[in-house]
Amino acid sequence: MNDTRLPELPSGDEIAVRGLYRRMLEGWNRRDGAAFAGPFAVDGEVIGFDGSGHRGRSVIAAELGRIFADHATPRYVAAVRRVRALAPGVAHLEAAAGMVPDGAEELDPGLNAVQTVIAVDAGAGWRIALLQNTPARYDLRPDLTEGLTEELRAMVGRGPEPA
């Protein structure tokens, strides 16, 4: 049997990938489309909570800028679950994220999500190639929904820094 193991991700690279994710969330929480898009590769992509897609850093910045101008967007809290290498110069970050609606003190469990980031380093530093934002509904598993909500609820008020 051919056991293909993924490469190890050096700790400095893991720190860099976590930093990209943190900067992206901070941009969202500041309602700044350019800051949100800044960590993305020039041809990076976002697949949103609603399934919408945006390709290219400039398109992501413009679309998020429009959203922030037209809507009172909730702020993120997040917990990074793991960061691992997929191949040399390619990393996968998985996080659980929750959102606190504008003006609210409490998390809205209906907005909980699992976020997947694929980051690449093609020699010029790490960048986000893809953000996939998937609703964390956990159909038929209310215990998982409640557990995630409680974990994220404990993070509300601690700022945008993902754990």
C-alpha atoms as a PDB file:
ATOM      1  CA  MET A   1       0.000   0.000   0.000  1.00  0.00           C
ATOM      2  CA  ASN A   2       1.301   3.455  -0.898  1.00  0.00           C
ATOM      3  CA  ASP A   3       0.998   5.634   2.212  1.00  0.00           C
ATOM      4  CA  THR A   4       1.210   9.225   1.032  1.00  0.00           C
ATOM      5  CA  ARG A   5       1.899  11.492   3.965  1.00  0.00           C
ATOM      6  CA  LEU A   6       1.470  15.220   3.826  1.00  0.00           C
ATOM      7  CA  PRO A   7       4.611  17.251   4.478  1.00  0.00           C
ATOM      8  CA  GLU A   8       5.189  18.972   7.807  1.00  0.00           C
ATOM      9  CA  LEU A   9       4.456  22.696   7.949  1.00  0.00           C
ATOM     10  CA  PRO A  10       7.321  24.608   9.558  1.00  0.00           C
ATOM     11  CA  SER A  11       6.203  26.616  12.602  1.00  0.00           C
ATOM     12  CA  GLY A  12       7.144  29.927  10.961  1.00  0.00           C
ATOM     13  CA  ASP A  13       4.890  29.105   8.024  1.00  0.00           C
ATOM     14  CA  GLU A  14       2.034  28.151  10.352  1.00  0.00           C
ATOM     15  CA  ILE A  15       2.408  31.489  12.136  1.00  0.00           C
ATOM     16  CA  ALA A  16       2.338  33.289   8.769  1.00  0.00           C
ATOM     17  CA  VAL A  17      -0.820  31.466   7.625  1.00  0.00           C
ATOM     18  CA  ARG A  18      -2.569  32.150  10.947  1.00  0.00           C
ATOM     19  CA  GLY A  19      -1.562  35.794  10.546  1.00  0.00           C
ATOM     20  CA  LEU A  20      -3.187  35.995   7.106  1.00  0.00           C
ATOM     21  CA  TYR A  21      -6.428  34.660   8.549  1.00  0.00           C
ATOM     22  CA  ARG A  22      -6.303  37.074  11.499  1.00  0.00           C
ATOM     23  CA  ARG A  23      -5.664  40.057   9.183  1.00  0.00           C
ATOM     24  CA  MET A  24      -8.560  39.028   6.940  1.00  0.00           C
ATOM     25  CA  LEU A  25     -10.959  38.856   9.924  1.00  0.00           C
ATOM     26  CA  GLU A  26      -9.667  42.153  11.292  1.00  0.00           C
ATOM     27  CA  GLY A  27     -10.402  43.755   7.903  1.00  0.00           C
ATOM     28  CA  TRP A  28     -13.946  42.391   8.041  1.00  0.00           C
ATOM     29  CA  ASN A  29     -14.456  43.571  11.598  1.00  0.00           C
ATOM     30  CA  ARG A  30     -13.236  47.077  10.637  1.00  0.00           C
ATOM     31  CA  ARG A  31     -15.622  46.956   7.653  1.00  0.00           C
ATOM     32  CA  ASP A  32     -12.731  47.687   5.314  1.00  0.00           C
ATOM     33  CA  GLY A  33     -12.922  45.840   2.002  1.00  0.00           C
ATOM     34  CA  ALA A  34      -9.319  46.599   1.034  1.00  0.00           C
ATOM     35  CA  ALA A  35      -8.017  45.374   4.417  1.00  0.00           C
ATOM     36  CA  PHE A  36     -10.136  42.211   4.159  1.00  0.00           C
ATOM     37  CA  ALA A  37      -8.788  41.505   0.658  1.00  0.00           C
ATOM     38  CA  GLY A  38      -5.194  42.489   1.440  1.00  0.00           C
ATOM     39  CA  PRO A  39      -4.040  38.990   2.537  1.00  0.00           C
ATOM     40  CA  PHE A  40      -5.365  37.379  -0.675  1.00  0.00           C
ATOM     41  CA  ALA A  41      -3.315  36.476  -3.718  1.00  0.00           C
ATOM     42  CA  VAL A  42      -3.915  38.719  -6.722  1.00  0.00           C
ATOM     43  CA  ASP A  43      -6.078  35.931  -8.177  1.00  0.00           C
ATOM     44  CA  GLY A  44      -7.460  34.724  -4.818  1.00  0.00           C
ATOM     45  CA  GLU A  45     -11.049  33.661  -4.396  1.00  0.00           C
ATOM     46  CA  VAL A  46     -13.816  33.885  -1.786  1.00  0.00           C
ATOM     47  CA  ILE A  47     -16.812  31.567  -1.653  1.00  0.00           C
ATOM     48  CA  GLY A  48     -19.221  33.237   0.740  1.00  0.00           C
ATOM     49  CA  PHE A  49     -21.646  31.940   3.353  1.00  0.00           C
ATOM     50  CA  ASP A  50     -24.463  32.255   0.801  1.00  0.00           C
ATOM     51  CA  GLY A  51     -22.507  30.491  -1.957  1.00  0.00           C
ATOM     52  CA  SER A  52     -21.580  33.663  -3.819  1.00  0.00           C
ATOM     53  CA  GLY A  53     -18.104  33.769  -5.314  1.00  0.00           C
ATOM     54  CA  HIS A  54     -15.625  36.577  -5.894  1.00  0.00           C
ATOM     55  CA  ARG A  55     -12.361  36.129  -7.802  1.00  0.00           C
ATOM     56  CA  GLY A  56      -9.390  38.466  -7.658  1.00  0.00           C
ATOM     57  CA  ARG A  57      -8.122  40.632  -4.805  1.00  0.00           C
ATOM     58  CA  SER A  58      -9.432  43.842  -6.408  1.00  0.00           C
ATOM     59  CA  VAL A  59     -12.876  42.293  -7.021  1.00  0.00           C
ATOM     60  CA  ILE A  60     -12.984  40.985  -3.433  1.00  0.00           C
ATOM     61  CA  ALA A  61     -12.040  44.430  -2.088  1.00  0.00           C
ATOM     62  CA  ALA A  62     -14.646  46.202  -4.231  1.00  0.00           C
ATOM     63  CA  GLU A  63     -17.436  43.730  -3.452  1.00  0.00           C
ATOM     64  CA  LEU A  64     -16.738  43.761   0.282  1.00  0.00           C
ATOM     65  CA  GLY A  65     -16.513  47.567   0.209  1.00  0.00           C
ATOM     66  CA  ARG A  66     -19.976  47.653  -1.371  1.00  0.00           C
ATOM     67  CA  ILE A  67     -21.344  45.205   1.200  1.00  0.00           C
ATOM     68  CA  PHE A  68     -19.870  47.202   4.097  1.00  0.00           C
ATOM     69  CA  ALA A  69     -21.309  50.451   2.684  1.00  0.00           C
ATOM     70  CA  ASP A  70     -24.802  48.964   2.295  1.00  0.00           C
ATOM     71  CA  HIS A  71     -25.118  46.668   5.328  1.00  0.00           C
ATOM     72  CA  ALA A  72     -24.406  46.627   9.046  1.00  0.00           C
ATOM     73  CA  THR A  73     -22.316  43.468   8.904  1.00  0.00           C
ATOM     74  CA  PRO A  74     -21.857  41.288  11.987  1.00  0.00           C
ATOM     75  CA  ARG A  75     -18.351  41.012  13.451  1.00  0.00           C
ATOM     76  CA  TYR A  76     -16.387  37.776  13.561  1.00  0.00           C
ATOM     77  CA  VAL A  77     -15.022  35.704  16.392  1.00  0.00           C
ATOM     78  CA  ALA A  78     -13.080  32.604  15.364  1.00  0.00           C
ATOM     79  CA  ALA A  79     -11.109  29.631  16.591  1.00  0.00           C
ATOM     80  CA  VAL A  80      -8.474  28.076  14.348  1.00  0.00           C
ATOM     81  CA  ARG A  81      -8.852  24.288  14.488  1.00  0.00           C
ATOM     82  CA  ARG A  82      -5.727  23.315  12.586  1.00  0.00           C
ATOM     83  CA  VAL A  83      -3.156  24.427  10.070  1.00  0.00           C
ATOM     84  CA  ARG A  84      -1.356  21.844   7.975  1.00  0.00           C
ATOM     85  CA  ALA A  85       0.706  21.574   4.832  1.00  0.00           C
ATOM     86  CA  LEU A  86      -0.874  20.056   1.735  1.00  0.00           C
ATOM     87  CA  ALA A  87       2.298  20.293  -0.352  1.00  0.00           C
ATOM     88  CA  PRO A  88       5.420  22.447  -0.242  1.00  0.00           C
ATOM     89  CA  GLY A  89       4.208  26.053  -0.334  1.00  0.00           C
ATOM     90  CA  VAL A  90       0.531  25.077   0.118  1.00  0.00           C
ATOM     91  CA  ALA A  91      -1.266  25.153   3.475  1.00  0.00           C
ATOM     92  CA  HIS A  92      -4.781  24.437   4.708  1.00  0.00           C
ATOM     93  CA  LEU A  93      -6.283  26.335   7.659  1.00  0.00           C
ATOM     94  CA  GLU A  94      -9.572  25.216   9.193  1.00  0.00           C
ATOM     95  CA  ALA A  95     -11.461  27.457  11.620  1.00  0.00           C
ATOM     96  CA  ALA A  96     -14.815  27.728  13.337  1.00  0.00           C
ATOM     97  CA  ALA A  97     -16.293  31.196  13.146  1.00  0.00           C
ATOM     98  CA  GLY A  98     -19.238  32.939  14.721  1.00  0.00           C
ATOM     99  CA  MET A  99     -20.763  36.353  14.166  1.00  0.00           C
ATOM    100  CA  VAL A 100     -22.109  38.988  16.508  1.00  0.00           C
ATOM    101  CA  PRO A 101     -24.732  41.182  14.795  1.00  0.00           C
ATOM    102  CA  ASP A 102     -24.188  44.931  14.764  1.00  0.00           C
ATOM    103  CA  GLY A 103     -25.325  46.450  18.049  1.00  0.00           C
ATOM    104  CA  ALA A 104     -25.713  43.056  19.740  1.00  0.00           C
ATOM    105  CA  GLU A 105     -23.727  41.588  22.611  1.00  0.00           C
ATOM    106  CA  GLU A 106     -24.475  37.957  21.767  1.00  0.00           C
ATOM    107  CA  LEU A 107     -23.463  35.677  18.963  1.00  0.00           C
ATOM    108  CA  ASP A 108     -26.126  34.657  16.404  1.00  0.00           C
ATOM    109  CA  PRO A 109     -25.863  30.811  16.250  1.00  0.00           C
ATOM    110  CA  GLY A 110     -27.532  30.850  12.829  1.00  0.00           C
ATOM    111  CA  LEU A 111     -24.402  32.530  11.457  1.00  0.00           C
ATOM    112  CA  ASN A 112     -21.881  29.988  12.773  1.00  0.00           C
ATOM    113  CA  ALA A 113     -19.584  28.720  10.040  1.00  0.00           C
ATOM    114  CA  VAL A 114     -16.664  26.475   9.261  1.00  0.00           C
ATOM    115  CA  GLN A 115     -14.061  28.385   7.290  1.00  0.00           C
ATOM    116  CA  THR A 116     -11.444  26.771   5.103  1.00  0.00           C
ATOM    117  CA  VAL A 117      -8.465  28.760   3.872  1.00  0.00           C
ATOM    118  CA  ILE A 118      -5.997  27.496   1.295  1.00  0.00           C
ATOM    119  CA  ALA A 119      -2.834  29.589   1.448  1.00  0.00           C
ATOM    120  CA  VAL A 120       0.096  29.506  -0.957  1.00  0.00           C
ATOM    121  CA  ASP A 121       3.686  30.679  -0.884  1.00  0.00           C
ATOM    122  CA  ALA A 122       5.021  30.847  -4.419  1.00  0.00           C
ATOM    123  CA  GLY A 123       8.230  32.511  -3.277  1.00  0.00           C
ATOM    124  CA  ALA A 124       6.896  35.967  -2.462  1.00  0.00           C
ATOM    125  CA  GLY A 125       5.345  35.182   0.936  1.00  0.00           C
ATOM    126  CA  TRP A 126       2.132  33.534   2.014  1.00  0.00           C
ATOM    127  CA  ARG A 127      -1.187  34.628   0.489  1.00  0.00           C
ATOM    128  CA  ILE A 128      -4.744  33.352   0.661  1.00  0.00           C
ATOM    129  CA  ALA A 129      -5.690  31.530  -2.532  1.00  0.00           C
ATOM    130  CA  LEU A 130      -9.168  30.474  -1.373  1.00  0.00           C
ATOM    131  CA  LEU A 131     -11.571  31.181   1.476  1.00  0.00           C
ATOM    132  CA  GLN A 132     -14.573  28.839   1.678  1.00  0.00           C
ATOM    133  CA  ASN A 133     -17.182  29.898   4.239  1.00  0.00           C
ATOM    134  CA  THR A 134     -19.640  27.077   5.002  1.00  0.00           C
ATOM    135  CA  PRO A 135     -22.652  27.353   7.336  1.00  0.00           C
ATOM    136  CA  ALA A 136     -22.150  25.163  10.424  1.00  0.00           C
ATOM    137  CA  ARG A 137     -25.677  23.784  10.629  1.00  0.00           C
ATOM    138  CA  TYR A 138     -24.771  20.275  11.763  1.00  0.00           C
ATOM    139  CA  ASP A 139     -28.095  18.863  10.590  1.00  0.00           C
ATOM    140  CA  LEU A 140     -29.464  16.250  13.000  1.00  0.00           C
ATOM    141  CA  ARG A 141     -26.658  17.022  15.496  1.00  0.00           C
ATOM    142  CA  PRO A 142     -27.935  19.797  17.788  1.00  0.00           C
ATOM    143  CA  ASP A 143     -25.268  18.834  20.332  1.00  0.00           C
ATOM    144  CA  LEU A 144     -22.550  19.922  17.886  1.00  0.00           C
ATOM    145  CA  THR A 145     -24.356  23.186  17.162  1.00  0.00           C
ATOM    146  CA  GLU A 146     -24.730  23.922  20.872  1.00  0.00           C
ATOM    147  CA  GLY A 147     -21.113  23.014  21.622  1.00  0.00           C
ATOM    148  CA  LEU A 148     -19.759  25.250  18.874  1.00  0.00           C
ATOM    149  CA  THR A 149     -22.038  28.107  19.886  1.00  0.00           C
ATOM    150  CA  GLU A 150     -20.891  27.888  23.519  1.00  0.00           C
ATOM    151  CA  GLU A 151     -17.228  27.815  22.496  1.00  0.00           C
ATOM    152  CA  LEU A 152     -17.622  30.838  20.230  1.00  0.00           C
ATOM    153  CA  ARG A 153     -19.856  32.664  22.719  1.00  0.00           C
ATOM    154  CA  ALA A 154     -16.976  32.527  25.215  1.00  0.00           C
ATOM    155  CA  MET A 155     -14.842  34.433  22.695  1.00  0.00           C
ATOM    156  CA  VAL A 156     -17.237  37.358  22.252  1.00  0.00           C
ATOM    157  CA  GLY A 157     -15.648  40.515  23.587  1.00  0.00           C
ATOM    158  CA  ARG A 158     -12.086  39.207  23.227  1.00  0.00           C
ATOM    159  CA  GLY A 159     -11.550  40.933  19.884  1.00  0.00           C
ATOM    160  CA  PRO A 160     -11.052  39.575  16.373  1.00  0.00           C
ATOM    161  CA  GLU A 161      -7.956  37.517  17.258  1.00  0.00           C
ATOM    162  CA  PRO A 162      -8.704  33.919  16.331  1.00  0.00           C
ATOM    163  CA  ALA A 163      -7.479  31.367  18.866  1.00  0.00           C
END
